[in-house]
N, C-alpha and C. Protein backbone atom coordinates (compact mmCIF):
# COMPACT_ATOMS: atom_id res chain seq x y z
N UNK A 1 0.85 -1.18 0.00
CA UNK A 1 0.00 0.00 0.00
C UNK A 1 0.89 1.24 0.00
N UNK A 2 0.69 2.11 -0.99
CA UNK A 2 1.50 3.31 -1.11
C UNK A 2 1.01 4.43 -0.19
N UNK A 3 1.83 5.43 -0.05
CA UNK A 3 1.49 6.56 0.82
C UNK A 3 0.30 7.35 0.32
N UNK A 4 0.17 7.50 -1.00
CA UNK A 4 -0.95 8.27 -1.55
C UNK A 4 -2.28 7.57 -1.35
N UNK A 5 -2.25 6.27 -1.25
CA UNK A 5 -3.49 5.53 -1.04
C UNK A 5 -4.05 5.73 0.37
N UNK A 6 -3.24 6.20 1.29
CA UNK A 6 -3.68 6.46 2.66
C UNK A 6 -4.46 7.78 2.77
N UNK A 7 -4.31 8.63 1.77
CA UNK A 7 -4.96 9.94 1.79
C UNK A 7 -6.37 9.85 1.23
N UNK A 8 -7.24 10.72 1.72
CA UNK A 8 -8.59 10.82 1.18
C UNK A 8 -8.59 11.93 0.13
N UNK A 9 -8.68 11.57 -1.12
CA UNK A 9 -8.62 12.51 -2.22
C UNK A 9 -10.02 12.87 -2.68
N UNK A 10 -10.24 14.15 -2.98
CA UNK A 10 -11.54 14.64 -3.47
C UNK A 10 -11.31 15.54 -4.68
N UNK A 11 -12.34 15.65 -5.52
CA UNK A 11 -12.26 16.48 -6.73
C UNK A 11 -12.96 17.81 -6.47
N UNK A 12 -12.25 18.74 -5.83
CA UNK A 12 -12.80 20.05 -5.51
C UNK A 12 -11.80 21.11 -5.96
N UNK A 13 -12.30 22.17 -6.58
CA UNK A 13 -11.43 23.26 -6.99
C UNK A 13 -11.37 24.31 -5.89
N UNK A 14 -10.27 24.99 -5.81
CA UNK A 14 -10.08 26.02 -4.80
C UNK A 14 -10.95 27.23 -5.13
N UNK A 15 -11.65 27.71 -4.11
CA UNK A 15 -12.51 28.88 -4.28
C UNK A 15 -11.65 30.13 -4.16
N UNK A 16 -11.66 30.94 -5.16
CA UNK A 16 -10.86 32.16 -5.15
C UNK A 16 -11.55 33.23 -4.32
N UNK A 17 -10.96 33.54 -3.16
CA UNK A 17 -11.52 34.56 -2.28
C UNK A 17 -10.82 35.90 -2.48
N UNK A 18 -10.05 36.02 -3.54
CA UNK A 18 -9.30 37.24 -3.79
C UNK A 18 -10.05 38.19 -4.72
N UNK A 19 -11.36 38.08 -4.76
CA UNK A 19 -12.14 38.98 -5.58
C UNK A 19 -12.24 40.33 -4.89
N UNK A 20 -12.50 41.39 -5.62
CA UNK A 20 -12.67 42.70 -4.98
C UNK A 20 -13.82 42.72 -3.98
N UNK A 21 -14.89 41.99 -4.28
CA UNK A 21 -16.02 41.94 -3.35
C UNK A 21 -15.61 41.31 -2.02
N UNK A 22 -14.85 40.21 -2.11
CA UNK A 22 -14.42 39.52 -0.89
C UNK A 22 -13.48 40.38 -0.07
N UNK A 23 -12.58 41.09 -0.73
CA UNK A 23 -11.65 41.96 -0.02
C UNK A 23 -12.39 43.11 0.67
N UNK A 24 -13.36 43.67 -0.02
CA UNK A 24 -14.15 44.77 0.54
C UNK A 24 -14.96 44.29 1.74
N UNK A 25 -15.58 43.13 1.62
CA UNK A 25 -16.36 42.58 2.74
C UNK A 25 -15.45 42.26 3.91
N UNK A 26 -14.27 41.68 3.63
CA UNK A 26 -13.35 41.32 4.71
C UNK A 26 -12.89 42.55 5.48
N UNK A 27 -12.63 43.64 4.77
CA UNK A 27 -12.22 44.88 5.44
C UNK A 27 -13.34 45.40 6.33
N UNK A 28 -14.56 45.34 5.84
CA UNK A 28 -15.70 45.82 6.60
C UNK A 28 -15.98 44.93 7.81
N UNK A 29 -15.90 43.62 7.63
CA UNK A 29 -16.14 42.69 8.73
C UNK A 29 -15.08 42.88 9.81
N UNK A 30 -13.83 43.10 9.41
CA UNK A 30 -12.76 43.34 10.38
C UNK A 30 -13.04 44.60 11.20
N UNK A 31 -13.47 45.65 10.54
CA UNK A 31 -13.81 46.90 11.24
C UNK A 31 -15.00 46.70 12.16
N UNK A 32 -16.00 45.97 11.72
CA UNK A 32 -17.17 45.71 12.56
C UNK A 32 -16.81 44.84 13.77
N UNK A 33 -15.90 43.89 13.60
CA UNK A 33 -15.45 43.09 14.73
C UNK A 33 -14.77 43.94 15.80
N UNK A 34 -13.97 44.93 15.36
CA UNK A 34 -13.35 45.85 16.33
C UNK A 34 -14.40 46.68 17.05
N UNK A 35 -15.42 47.12 16.32
CA UNK A 35 -16.49 47.91 16.95
C UNK A 35 -17.25 47.06 17.97
N UNK A 36 -17.46 45.78 17.64
CA UNK A 36 -18.15 44.88 18.57
C UNK A 36 -17.31 44.67 19.83
N UNK A 37 -16.00 44.49 19.65
CA UNK A 37 -15.11 44.34 20.81
C UNK A 37 -15.16 45.58 21.69
N UNK A 38 -15.14 46.76 21.07
CA UNK A 38 -15.18 48.00 21.84
C UNK A 38 -16.50 48.15 22.57
N UNK A 39 -17.60 47.79 21.93
CA UNK A 39 -18.91 47.89 22.57
C UNK A 39 -19.02 46.91 23.74
N UNK A 40 -18.49 45.70 23.57
CA UNK A 40 -18.51 44.73 24.67
C UNK A 40 -17.68 45.23 25.85
N UNK A 41 -16.53 45.83 25.57
CA UNK A 41 -15.69 46.37 26.64
C UNK A 41 -16.41 47.52 27.34
N UNK A 42 -17.10 48.37 26.58
CA UNK A 42 -17.83 49.48 27.18
C UNK A 42 -18.93 48.97 28.10
N UNK A 43 -19.64 47.92 27.68
CA UNK A 43 -20.71 47.36 28.50
C UNK A 43 -20.17 46.75 29.80
N UNK A 44 -18.94 46.22 29.74
CA UNK A 44 -18.33 45.64 30.93
C UNK A 44 -17.68 46.70 31.81
N UNK A 45 -17.61 47.93 31.32
CA UNK A 45 -16.97 49.01 32.07
C UNK A 45 -15.46 49.02 31.92
N UNK A 46 -14.95 48.38 30.89
CA UNK A 46 -13.52 48.30 30.65
C UNK A 46 -13.11 49.31 29.57
N UNK A 47 -11.82 49.62 29.53
CA UNK A 47 -11.28 50.52 28.52
C UNK A 47 -10.84 49.69 27.33
N UNK A 48 -11.26 50.06 26.13
CA UNK A 48 -10.84 49.37 24.91
C UNK A 48 -9.71 50.16 24.29
N UNK A 49 -8.57 49.52 24.11
CA UNK A 49 -7.43 50.15 23.48
C UNK A 49 -6.96 49.26 22.34
N UNK A 50 -7.09 49.75 21.14
CA UNK A 50 -6.61 49.00 19.97
C UNK A 50 -5.10 49.15 19.92
N UNK A 51 -4.40 48.04 19.66
CA UNK A 51 -2.95 48.06 19.64
C UNK A 51 -2.45 47.30 18.41
N UNK A 52 -1.24 47.62 17.98
CA UNK A 52 -0.59 46.89 16.91
C UNK A 52 0.91 46.86 17.18
N UNK A 53 1.56 45.90 16.57
CA UNK A 53 3.00 45.78 16.74
C UNK A 53 3.71 46.52 15.63
N UNK A 54 4.80 47.19 15.99
CA UNK A 54 5.56 47.94 15.01
C UNK A 54 7.05 47.90 15.39
N UNK A 55 7.89 47.90 14.38
CA UNK A 55 9.33 47.94 14.62
C UNK A 55 9.74 49.39 14.81
N UNK A 56 10.39 49.69 15.93
CA UNK A 56 10.88 51.04 16.22
C UNK A 56 12.34 50.95 16.62
N UNK A 57 13.05 52.06 16.43
CA UNK A 57 14.46 52.07 16.75
C UNK A 57 14.64 52.42 18.23
N UNK A 58 15.40 51.60 18.92
CA UNK A 58 15.68 51.84 20.34
C UNK A 58 16.63 53.03 20.45
N UNK A 59 16.30 53.97 21.33
CA UNK A 59 17.09 55.19 21.46
C UNK A 59 18.45 54.94 22.08
N UNK A 60 18.55 53.96 22.97
CA UNK A 60 19.80 53.70 23.67
C UNK A 60 20.79 52.91 22.82
N UNK A 61 20.31 51.81 22.24
CA UNK A 61 21.22 50.93 21.51
C UNK A 61 21.23 51.17 20.01
N UNK A 62 20.18 51.76 19.48
CA UNK A 62 20.11 52.01 18.04
C UNK A 62 19.60 50.83 17.24
N UNK A 63 19.26 49.73 17.91
CA UNK A 63 18.74 48.58 17.20
C UNK A 63 17.22 48.67 17.10
N UNK A 64 16.69 47.94 16.16
CA UNK A 64 15.24 47.94 15.99
C UNK A 64 14.63 46.88 16.90
N UNK A 65 13.56 47.27 17.59
CA UNK A 65 12.86 46.33 18.46
C UNK A 65 11.38 46.35 18.11
N UNK A 66 10.72 45.24 18.39
CA UNK A 66 9.29 45.12 18.12
C UNK A 66 8.54 45.61 19.34
N UNK A 67 7.72 46.66 19.16
CA UNK A 67 6.98 47.24 20.27
C UNK A 67 5.48 47.15 20.00
N UNK A 68 4.74 47.07 21.08
CA UNK A 68 3.29 47.07 21.03
C UNK A 68 2.83 48.52 21.22
N UNK A 69 2.28 49.14 20.19
CA UNK A 69 1.92 50.55 20.23
C UNK A 69 0.41 50.74 20.17
N UNK A 70 -0.11 51.76 20.87
CA UNK A 70 -1.55 52.05 20.76
C UNK A 70 -1.87 52.69 19.41
N UNK A 71 -3.07 52.39 18.93
CA UNK A 71 -3.55 52.93 17.67
C UNK A 71 -4.85 53.69 17.96
N UNK A 72 -5.04 54.80 17.30
CA UNK A 72 -6.25 55.58 17.50
C UNK A 72 -7.48 54.77 17.08
N UNK A 73 -8.48 54.81 17.93
CA UNK A 73 -9.71 54.08 17.66
C UNK A 73 -10.87 55.05 17.78
N UNK A 74 -11.72 55.06 16.78
CA UNK A 74 -12.92 55.90 16.79
C UNK A 74 -14.15 55.02 16.76
N UNK A 75 -14.93 55.04 17.83
CA UNK A 75 -16.15 54.23 17.81
C UNK A 75 -17.17 54.81 16.84
N UNK A 76 -17.94 53.93 16.24
CA UNK A 76 -18.98 54.34 15.31
C UNK A 76 -20.28 54.62 16.03
N UNK A 77 -20.33 54.42 17.31
CA UNK A 77 -21.56 54.60 18.08
C UNK A 77 -21.36 55.75 19.07
N UNK A 78 -22.48 56.38 19.41
CA UNK A 78 -22.45 57.46 20.39
C UNK A 78 -23.79 57.53 21.08
N UNK A 79 -23.81 58.26 22.16
CA UNK A 79 -25.01 58.40 22.98
C UNK A 79 -25.65 59.74 22.66
N UNK A 80 -26.96 59.73 22.43
CA UNK A 80 -27.65 60.98 22.15
C UNK A 80 -28.10 61.63 23.46
N UNK A 81 -28.71 62.79 23.34
CA UNK A 81 -29.11 63.55 24.54
C UNK A 81 -30.21 62.86 25.34
N UNK A 82 -30.93 61.94 24.75
CA UNK A 82 -31.99 61.22 25.46
C UNK A 82 -31.46 59.97 26.17
N UNK A 83 -30.21 59.62 25.96
CA UNK A 83 -29.61 58.46 26.60
C UNK A 83 -29.57 57.22 25.74
N UNK A 84 -30.14 57.27 24.56
CA UNK A 84 -30.10 56.14 23.64
C UNK A 84 -28.83 56.16 22.80
N UNK A 85 -28.54 55.05 22.17
CA UNK A 85 -27.35 54.96 21.35
C UNK A 85 -27.71 54.96 19.87
N UNK A 86 -26.80 55.52 19.09
CA UNK A 86 -26.91 55.58 17.63
C UNK A 86 -25.63 54.98 17.04
N UNK A 87 -25.75 54.37 15.87
CA UNK A 87 -24.59 53.77 15.19
C UNK A 87 -24.54 54.31 13.77
N UNK A 88 -23.34 54.65 13.36
CA UNK A 88 -23.10 55.11 12.00
C UNK A 88 -22.04 54.20 11.39
N UNK A 89 -22.36 53.51 10.33
CA UNK A 89 -21.44 52.57 9.70
C UNK A 89 -20.54 53.34 8.74
N UNK A 90 -19.23 53.08 8.83
CA UNK A 90 -18.27 53.80 8.01
C UNK A 90 -17.40 52.83 7.23
N UNK A 91 -17.04 53.23 6.03
CA UNK A 91 -16.07 52.49 5.22
C UNK A 91 -14.93 53.46 4.97
N UNK A 92 -13.81 53.26 5.66
CA UNK A 92 -12.74 54.24 5.62
C UNK A 92 -13.20 55.48 6.36
N UNK A 93 -13.18 56.61 5.69
CA UNK A 93 -13.65 57.83 6.34
C UNK A 93 -15.02 58.28 5.83
N UNK A 94 -15.70 57.40 5.11
CA UNK A 94 -17.00 57.76 4.55
C UNK A 94 -18.13 57.02 5.25
N UNK A 95 -19.22 57.72 5.47
CA UNK A 95 -20.42 57.10 6.04
C UNK A 95 -21.11 56.28 4.96
N UNK A 96 -21.64 55.13 5.35
CA UNK A 96 -22.42 54.33 4.42
C UNK A 96 -23.88 54.71 4.54
N UNK A 97 -24.50 54.97 3.42
CA UNK A 97 -25.94 55.20 3.41
C UNK A 97 -26.60 53.84 3.28
N UNK A 98 -27.20 53.37 4.36
CA UNK A 98 -27.83 52.05 4.35
C UNK A 98 -29.07 52.06 3.47
N UNK A 99 -29.77 53.16 3.47
CA UNK A 99 -30.86 53.44 2.53
C UNK A 99 -30.61 54.87 2.05
N UNK A 100 -31.21 55.29 0.95
CA UNK A 100 -30.92 56.64 0.45
C UNK A 100 -31.17 57.71 1.52
N UNK A 101 -30.13 58.49 1.77
CA UNK A 101 -30.11 59.60 2.73
C UNK A 101 -30.31 59.17 4.18
N UNK A 102 -30.16 57.88 4.47
CA UNK A 102 -30.26 57.36 5.84
C UNK A 102 -28.98 56.57 6.15
N UNK A 103 -28.17 57.11 7.06
CA UNK A 103 -26.91 56.45 7.36
C UNK A 103 -26.75 56.11 8.84
N UNK A 104 -27.71 56.48 9.67
CA UNK A 104 -27.59 56.25 11.10
C UNK A 104 -28.65 55.26 11.57
N UNK A 105 -28.23 54.33 12.43
CA UNK A 105 -29.13 53.32 12.99
C UNK A 105 -29.43 53.70 14.43
N UNK A 106 -30.68 53.79 14.76
CA UNK A 106 -31.08 54.08 16.13
C UNK A 106 -31.11 52.75 16.89
N UNK A 107 -30.26 52.63 17.90
CA UNK A 107 -30.10 51.38 18.64
C UNK A 107 -30.98 51.35 19.88
N UNK A 108 -31.04 52.45 20.58
CA UNK A 108 -31.79 52.50 21.84
C UNK A 108 -30.87 52.25 23.01
N UNK A 109 -31.18 51.23 23.82
CA UNK A 109 -30.40 50.92 25.02
C UNK A 109 -29.03 50.37 24.65
N UNK A 110 -28.09 50.52 25.56
CA UNK A 110 -26.73 50.06 25.33
C UNK A 110 -26.67 48.54 25.14
N UNK A 111 -27.60 47.81 25.74
CA UNK A 111 -27.62 46.36 25.59
C UNK A 111 -27.92 45.93 24.15
N UNK A 112 -28.52 46.78 23.37
CA UNK A 112 -28.85 46.45 21.97
C UNK A 112 -27.71 46.77 21.01
N UNK A 113 -26.64 47.36 21.51
CA UNK A 113 -25.55 47.81 20.64
C UNK A 113 -24.82 46.63 19.99
N UNK A 114 -24.42 45.66 20.77
CA UNK A 114 -23.69 44.50 20.22
C UNK A 114 -24.56 43.70 19.26
N UNK A 115 -25.83 43.37 19.61
CA UNK A 115 -26.66 42.65 18.64
C UNK A 115 -26.88 43.42 17.33
N UNK A 116 -26.98 44.74 17.41
CA UNK A 116 -27.16 45.55 16.20
C UNK A 116 -25.92 45.48 15.32
N UNK A 117 -24.74 45.63 15.92
CA UNK A 117 -23.50 45.55 15.15
C UNK A 117 -23.31 44.15 14.57
N UNK A 118 -23.71 43.12 15.31
CA UNK A 118 -23.61 41.74 14.81
C UNK A 118 -24.55 41.53 13.63
N UNK A 119 -25.74 42.10 13.69
CA UNK A 119 -26.70 42.01 12.59
C UNK A 119 -26.15 42.69 11.34
N UNK A 120 -25.51 43.83 11.52
CA UNK A 120 -24.92 44.53 10.38
C UNK A 120 -23.76 43.72 9.80
N UNK A 121 -22.96 43.11 10.67
CA UNK A 121 -21.86 42.26 10.21
C UNK A 121 -22.39 41.09 9.38
N UNK A 122 -23.48 40.48 9.84
CA UNK A 122 -24.08 39.37 9.10
C UNK A 122 -24.61 39.84 7.74
N UNK A 123 -25.14 41.06 7.68
CA UNK A 123 -25.62 41.61 6.41
C UNK A 123 -24.45 41.83 5.44
N UNK A 124 -23.31 42.27 5.96
CA UNK A 124 -22.14 42.46 5.11
C UNK A 124 -21.66 41.12 4.57
N UNK A 125 -21.61 40.10 5.44
CA UNK A 125 -21.17 38.77 5.00
C UNK A 125 -22.12 38.17 3.95
N UNK A 126 -23.40 38.51 4.05
CA UNK A 126 -24.38 38.00 3.08
C UNK A 126 -24.36 38.80 1.78
N UNK A 127 -23.61 39.89 1.73
CA UNK A 127 -23.51 40.69 0.51
C UNK A 127 -24.61 41.71 0.35
N UNK A 128 -25.37 41.99 1.41
CA UNK A 128 -26.48 42.93 1.32
C UNK A 128 -26.03 44.38 1.21
N UNK A 129 -24.79 44.68 1.58
CA UNK A 129 -24.31 46.06 1.54
C UNK A 129 -23.24 46.29 0.47
N UNK A 130 -23.17 45.39 -0.51
CA UNK A 130 -22.14 45.53 -1.55
C UNK A 130 -22.28 46.82 -2.35
N UNK A 131 -23.50 47.21 -2.67
CA UNK A 131 -23.71 48.45 -3.45
C UNK A 131 -23.27 49.67 -2.66
N UNK A 132 -23.58 49.69 -1.37
CA UNK A 132 -23.20 50.82 -0.52
C UNK A 132 -21.68 50.86 -0.34
N UNK A 133 -21.06 49.69 -0.19
CA UNK A 133 -19.61 49.65 -0.05
C UNK A 133 -18.93 50.10 -1.33
N UNK A 134 -19.47 49.70 -2.46
CA UNK A 134 -18.92 50.12 -3.76
C UNK A 134 -19.03 51.64 -3.91
N UNK A 135 -20.16 52.20 -3.51
CA UNK A 135 -20.33 53.66 -3.60
C UNK A 135 -19.36 54.38 -2.67
N UNK A 136 -19.11 53.83 -1.49
CA UNK A 136 -18.19 54.46 -0.56
C UNK A 136 -16.75 54.33 -1.03
N UNK A 137 -16.46 53.25 -1.73
CA UNK A 137 -15.12 53.03 -2.24
C UNK A 137 -14.75 54.09 -3.26
N UNK A 138 -15.74 54.50 -4.04
CA UNK A 138 -15.55 55.62 -4.96
C UNK A 138 -14.64 55.31 -6.12
N UNK A 139 -14.08 56.33 -6.66
CA UNK A 139 -13.28 56.19 -7.87
C UNK A 139 -11.86 55.72 -7.60
N UNK A 140 -11.44 55.67 -6.33
CA UNK A 140 -10.06 55.32 -6.02
C UNK A 140 -9.82 53.83 -5.90
N UNK A 141 -10.86 53.05 -5.65
CA UNK A 141 -10.70 51.62 -5.48
C UNK A 141 -10.91 50.88 -6.79
N UNK A 142 -10.66 49.57 -6.76
CA UNK A 142 -10.93 48.74 -7.94
C UNK A 142 -12.43 48.63 -8.13
N UNK A 143 -12.85 48.74 -9.33
CA UNK A 143 -14.29 48.64 -9.63
C UNK A 143 -14.73 47.19 -9.58
N UNK A 144 -15.90 46.98 -9.06
CA UNK A 144 -16.46 45.63 -8.99
C UNK A 144 -17.16 45.31 -10.30
N UNK A 145 -17.24 44.04 -10.60
CA UNK A 145 -17.95 43.60 -11.81
C UNK A 145 -19.45 43.75 -11.57
N UNK A 146 -20.21 44.17 -12.60
CA UNK A 146 -21.66 44.30 -12.41
C UNK A 146 -22.34 42.96 -12.27
């Protein structure tokens, strides 16, 4: 019995996830996951600090070292004067219009913030916001196929 006979072979082609649509959705899902983490930390009363690793030059020795640095984080949600929460979905620095001329989601209580962001993330994964993401991407990004 040869080594290849021990393997379970199937006739499946690799799914190309490198399409512009997939890249756009992945970027949006990543941003929404950070917003969900920040909202969960806020509900627990904890401070959310986004961090990334970067190579910086050590002042004493002059060698490069890997440091964990804070990164600016801007939440997409805020509290209105009545005490309820609102969410504005952004792609880069642009607001997404979920419906024409409507870009803000009224969440209500803070407990509804995470489920609302999760629902929006699921909509992005399902491709329901592809047109809005394409419009926000504008003329600078790769155009999607119709």
